Amino acid sequence: MAEFPDELKKLADIATDLDFSAKLRIDAIDQLGTIGTHEALLTLLNLAANDKLSAKERDIALKQARRIVRASH
């Protein structure tokens, strides 16, 4: 479990690096959704609020965040 913060940081860095392709950034966002922790949820919400990302990427981040919230019920 101690490796999750590092993993979250790496995935968030990939998701926000505009030098990477959109597909790679979206894959990183999807990976964050599979982690499913509270920290991953917060990271996804931060991505959704990042206006440098495309609307599609922000929407995917919100969908992944929603999946985590639904799974916690």
N, C-alpha and C. Protein backbone atom coordinates (compact mmCIF):
# COMPACT_ATOMS: atom_id res chain seq x y z
N MET A 1 0.82 -1.19 0.00
CA MET A 1 0.00 0.00 0.00
C MET A 1 0.86 1.26 0.00
N ALA A 2 2.08 1.17 0.52
CA ALA A 2 2.94 2.34 0.58
C ALA A 2 3.35 2.82 -0.81
N GLU A 3 3.25 1.95 -1.81
CA GLU A 3 3.64 2.36 -3.15
C GLU A 3 2.53 3.14 -3.87
N PHE A 4 1.32 3.16 -3.35
CA PHE A 4 0.24 3.90 -4.01
C PHE A 4 0.51 5.40 -4.14
N PRO A 5 1.01 6.09 -3.12
CA PRO A 5 1.26 7.52 -3.31
C PRO A 5 2.23 7.80 -4.45
N ASP A 6 3.28 6.99 -4.56
CA ASP A 6 4.22 7.16 -5.67
C ASP A 6 3.54 6.86 -7.00
N GLU A 7 2.75 5.81 -7.01
CA GLU A 7 2.03 5.43 -8.23
C GLU A 7 1.04 6.53 -8.63
N LEU A 8 0.33 7.06 -7.65
CA LEU A 8 -0.61 8.15 -7.94
C LEU A 8 0.10 9.35 -8.52
N LYS A 9 1.23 9.70 -7.94
CA LYS A 9 1.99 10.85 -8.42
C LYS A 9 2.47 10.63 -9.85
N LYS A 10 2.99 9.44 -10.12
CA LYS A 10 3.47 9.13 -11.47
C LYS A 10 2.33 9.20 -12.48
N LEU A 11 1.19 8.60 -12.14
CA LEU A 11 0.05 8.62 -13.05
C LEU A 11 -0.49 10.02 -13.25
N ALA A 12 -0.55 10.81 -12.18
CA ALA A 12 -1.01 12.20 -12.30
C ALA A 12 -0.05 13.01 -13.17
N ASP A 13 1.24 12.77 -13.01
CA ASP A 13 2.23 13.46 -13.84
C ASP A 13 2.05 13.12 -15.31
N ILE A 14 1.82 11.86 -15.61
CA ILE A 14 1.59 11.44 -16.99
C ILE A 14 0.30 12.06 -17.52
N ALA A 15 -0.74 12.05 -16.70
CA ALA A 15 -2.05 12.56 -17.14
C ALA A 15 -2.04 14.05 -17.43
N THR A 16 -1.11 14.77 -16.83
CA THR A 16 -1.08 16.23 -17.03
C THR A 16 0.05 16.68 -17.94
N ASP A 17 0.89 15.76 -18.40
CA ASP A 17 2.01 16.13 -19.27
C ASP A 17 1.51 16.25 -20.71
N LEU A 18 1.39 17.47 -21.17
CA LEU A 18 0.84 17.72 -22.50
C LEU A 18 1.79 17.31 -23.62
N ASP A 19 3.03 16.95 -23.28
CA ASP A 19 3.96 16.44 -24.29
C ASP A 19 3.64 15.00 -24.66
N PHE A 20 2.90 14.30 -23.79
CA PHE A 20 2.47 12.94 -24.09
C PHE A 20 1.23 12.98 -24.98
N SER A 21 0.97 11.86 -25.65
CA SER A 21 -0.22 11.78 -26.48
C SER A 21 -1.48 11.75 -25.60
N ALA A 22 -2.60 12.14 -26.19
CA ALA A 22 -3.87 12.12 -25.46
C ALA A 22 -4.20 10.70 -25.02
N LYS A 23 -3.89 9.71 -25.86
CA LYS A 23 -4.18 8.32 -25.50
C LYS A 23 -3.42 7.90 -24.25
N LEU A 24 -2.16 8.27 -24.16
CA LEU A 24 -1.36 7.93 -22.99
C LEU A 24 -1.89 8.63 -21.74
N ARG A 25 -2.28 9.89 -21.89
CA ARG A 25 -2.85 10.62 -20.74
C ARG A 25 -4.16 9.99 -20.29
N ILE A 26 -5.00 9.58 -21.23
CA ILE A 26 -6.28 8.94 -20.90
C ILE A 26 -6.04 7.59 -20.24
N ASP A 27 -5.04 6.85 -20.72
CA ASP A 27 -4.70 5.56 -20.09
C ASP A 27 -4.29 5.77 -18.63
N ALA A 28 -3.54 6.83 -18.37
CA ALA A 28 -3.13 7.12 -16.99
C ALA A 28 -4.35 7.46 -16.12
N ILE A 29 -5.28 8.21 -16.68
CA ILE A 29 -6.51 8.54 -15.95
C ILE A 29 -7.30 7.28 -15.64
N ASP A 30 -7.41 6.39 -16.62
CA ASP A 30 -8.11 5.12 -16.40
C ASP A 30 -7.42 4.28 -15.32
N GLN A 31 -6.10 4.28 -15.32
CA GLN A 31 -5.35 3.54 -14.30
C GLN A 31 -5.65 4.09 -12.91
N LEU A 32 -5.75 5.41 -12.79
CA LEU A 32 -6.10 6.01 -11.50
C LEU A 32 -7.46 5.51 -11.03
N GLY A 33 -8.38 5.36 -11.96
CA GLY A 33 -9.71 4.86 -11.61
C GLY A 33 -9.68 3.44 -11.09
N THR A 34 -8.75 2.64 -11.57
CA THR A 34 -8.68 1.25 -11.11
C THR A 34 -8.07 1.13 -9.73
N ILE A 35 -7.31 2.13 -9.30
CA ILE A 35 -6.72 2.07 -7.96
C ILE A 35 -7.83 2.15 -6.92
N GLY A 36 -8.77 3.05 -7.12
CA GLY A 36 -9.98 3.06 -6.31
C GLY A 36 -9.87 3.56 -4.88
N THR A 37 -8.75 4.17 -4.51
CA THR A 37 -8.61 4.68 -3.14
C THR A 37 -9.13 6.11 -3.03
N HIS A 38 -9.25 6.56 -1.80
CA HIS A 38 -9.66 7.95 -1.55
C HIS A 38 -8.66 8.92 -2.18
N GLU A 39 -7.38 8.59 -2.08
CA GLU A 39 -6.35 9.44 -2.66
C GLU A 39 -6.46 9.47 -4.19
N ALA A 40 -6.79 8.33 -4.79
CA ALA A 40 -6.99 8.29 -6.24
C ALA A 40 -8.20 9.14 -6.63
N LEU A 41 -9.24 9.09 -5.83
CA LEU A 41 -10.43 9.91 -6.07
C LEU A 41 -10.06 11.40 -6.05
N LEU A 42 -9.30 11.81 -5.06
CA LEU A 42 -8.89 13.21 -4.98
C LEU A 42 -8.01 13.60 -6.17
N THR A 43 -7.15 12.71 -6.57
CA THR A 43 -6.29 12.97 -7.73
C THR A 43 -7.13 13.13 -8.99
N LEU A 44 -8.12 12.26 -9.17
CA LEU A 44 -9.01 12.36 -10.33
C LEU A 44 -9.81 13.67 -10.32
N LEU A 45 -10.26 14.08 -9.16
CA LEU A 45 -11.01 15.34 -9.07
C LEU A 45 -10.10 16.52 -9.40
N ASN A 46 -8.85 16.45 -8.99
CA ASN A 46 -7.90 17.51 -9.36
C ASN A 46 -7.67 17.54 -10.87
N LEU A 47 -7.61 16.37 -11.48
CA LEU A 47 -7.46 16.32 -12.94
C LEU A 47 -8.69 16.90 -13.64
N ALA A 48 -9.86 16.58 -13.11
CA ALA A 48 -11.10 17.10 -13.71
C ALA A 48 -11.16 18.62 -13.62
N ALA A 49 -10.51 19.20 -12.63
CA ALA A 49 -10.51 20.65 -12.45
C ALA A 49 -9.38 21.33 -13.23
N ASN A 50 -8.51 20.56 -13.84
CA ASN A 50 -7.36 21.11 -14.56
C ASN A 50 -7.80 21.59 -15.94
N ASP A 51 -7.86 22.90 -16.12
CA ASP A 51 -8.35 23.44 -17.38
C ASP A 51 -7.34 23.36 -18.53
N LYS A 52 -6.15 22.84 -18.26
CA LYS A 52 -5.18 22.63 -19.34
C LYS A 52 -5.45 21.33 -20.09
N LEU A 53 -6.20 20.43 -19.45
CA LEU A 53 -6.56 19.16 -20.11
C LEU A 53 -7.76 19.40 -21.03
N SER A 54 -7.91 18.53 -21.98
CA SER A 54 -9.05 18.65 -22.89
C SER A 54 -10.34 18.32 -22.16
N ALA A 55 -11.44 18.75 -22.72
CA ALA A 55 -12.75 18.46 -22.13
C ALA A 55 -12.97 16.95 -22.04
N LYS A 56 -12.51 16.21 -23.03
CA LYS A 56 -12.67 14.75 -23.03
C LYS A 56 -11.89 14.14 -21.86
N GLU A 57 -10.66 14.57 -21.66
CA GLU A 57 -9.84 14.03 -20.58
C GLU A 57 -10.44 14.38 -19.22
N ARG A 58 -10.94 15.59 -19.08
CA ARG A 58 -11.56 16.00 -17.82
C ARG A 58 -12.83 15.20 -17.56
N ASP A 59 -13.59 14.93 -18.61
CA ASP A 59 -14.81 14.13 -18.48
C ASP A 59 -14.48 12.70 -18.06
N ILE A 60 -13.44 12.14 -18.63
CA ILE A 60 -13.03 10.78 -18.26
C ILE A 60 -12.59 10.74 -16.80
N ALA A 61 -11.88 11.77 -16.35
CA ALA A 61 -11.47 11.83 -14.95
C ALA A 61 -12.69 11.87 -14.04
N LEU A 62 -13.71 12.63 -14.42
CA LEU A 62 -14.95 12.68 -13.62
C LEU A 62 -15.66 11.33 -13.61
N LYS A 63 -15.69 10.66 -14.76
CA LYS A 63 -16.33 9.35 -14.82
C LYS A 63 -15.61 8.34 -13.94
N GLN A 64 -14.28 8.39 -13.95
CA GLN A 64 -13.52 7.48 -13.09
C GLN A 64 -13.75 7.81 -11.62
N ALA A 65 -13.81 9.09 -11.29
CA ALA A 65 -14.08 9.50 -9.90
C ALA A 65 -15.46 9.01 -9.48
N ARG A 66 -16.42 9.12 -10.36
CA ARG A 66 -17.79 8.66 -10.07
C ARG A 66 -17.81 7.16 -9.81
N ARG A 67 -17.02 6.41 -10.57
CA ARG A 67 -16.95 4.95 -10.36
C ARG A 67 -16.42 4.62 -8.98
N ILE A 68 -15.42 5.37 -8.53
CA ILE A 68 -14.86 5.13 -7.19
C ILE A 68 -15.91 5.44 -6.13
N VAL A 69 -16.63 6.54 -6.28
CA VAL A 69 -17.65 6.91 -5.31
C VAL A 69 -18.75 5.86 -5.26
N ARG A 70 -19.20 5.40 -6.40
CA ARG A 70 -20.25 4.38 -6.45
C ARG A 70 -19.79 3.07 -5.84
N ALA A 71 -18.54 2.72 -6.06
CA ALA A 71 -18.02 1.46 -5.52
C ALA A 71 -17.89 1.50 -4.00
N SER A 72 -17.83 2.69 -3.43
CA SER A 72 -17.68 2.78 -1.97
C SER A 72 -18.99 2.65 -1.22
N HIS A 73 -20.09 2.57 -1.93
CA HIS A 73 -21.40 2.44 -1.27
C HIS A 73 -21.76 1.01 -1.04
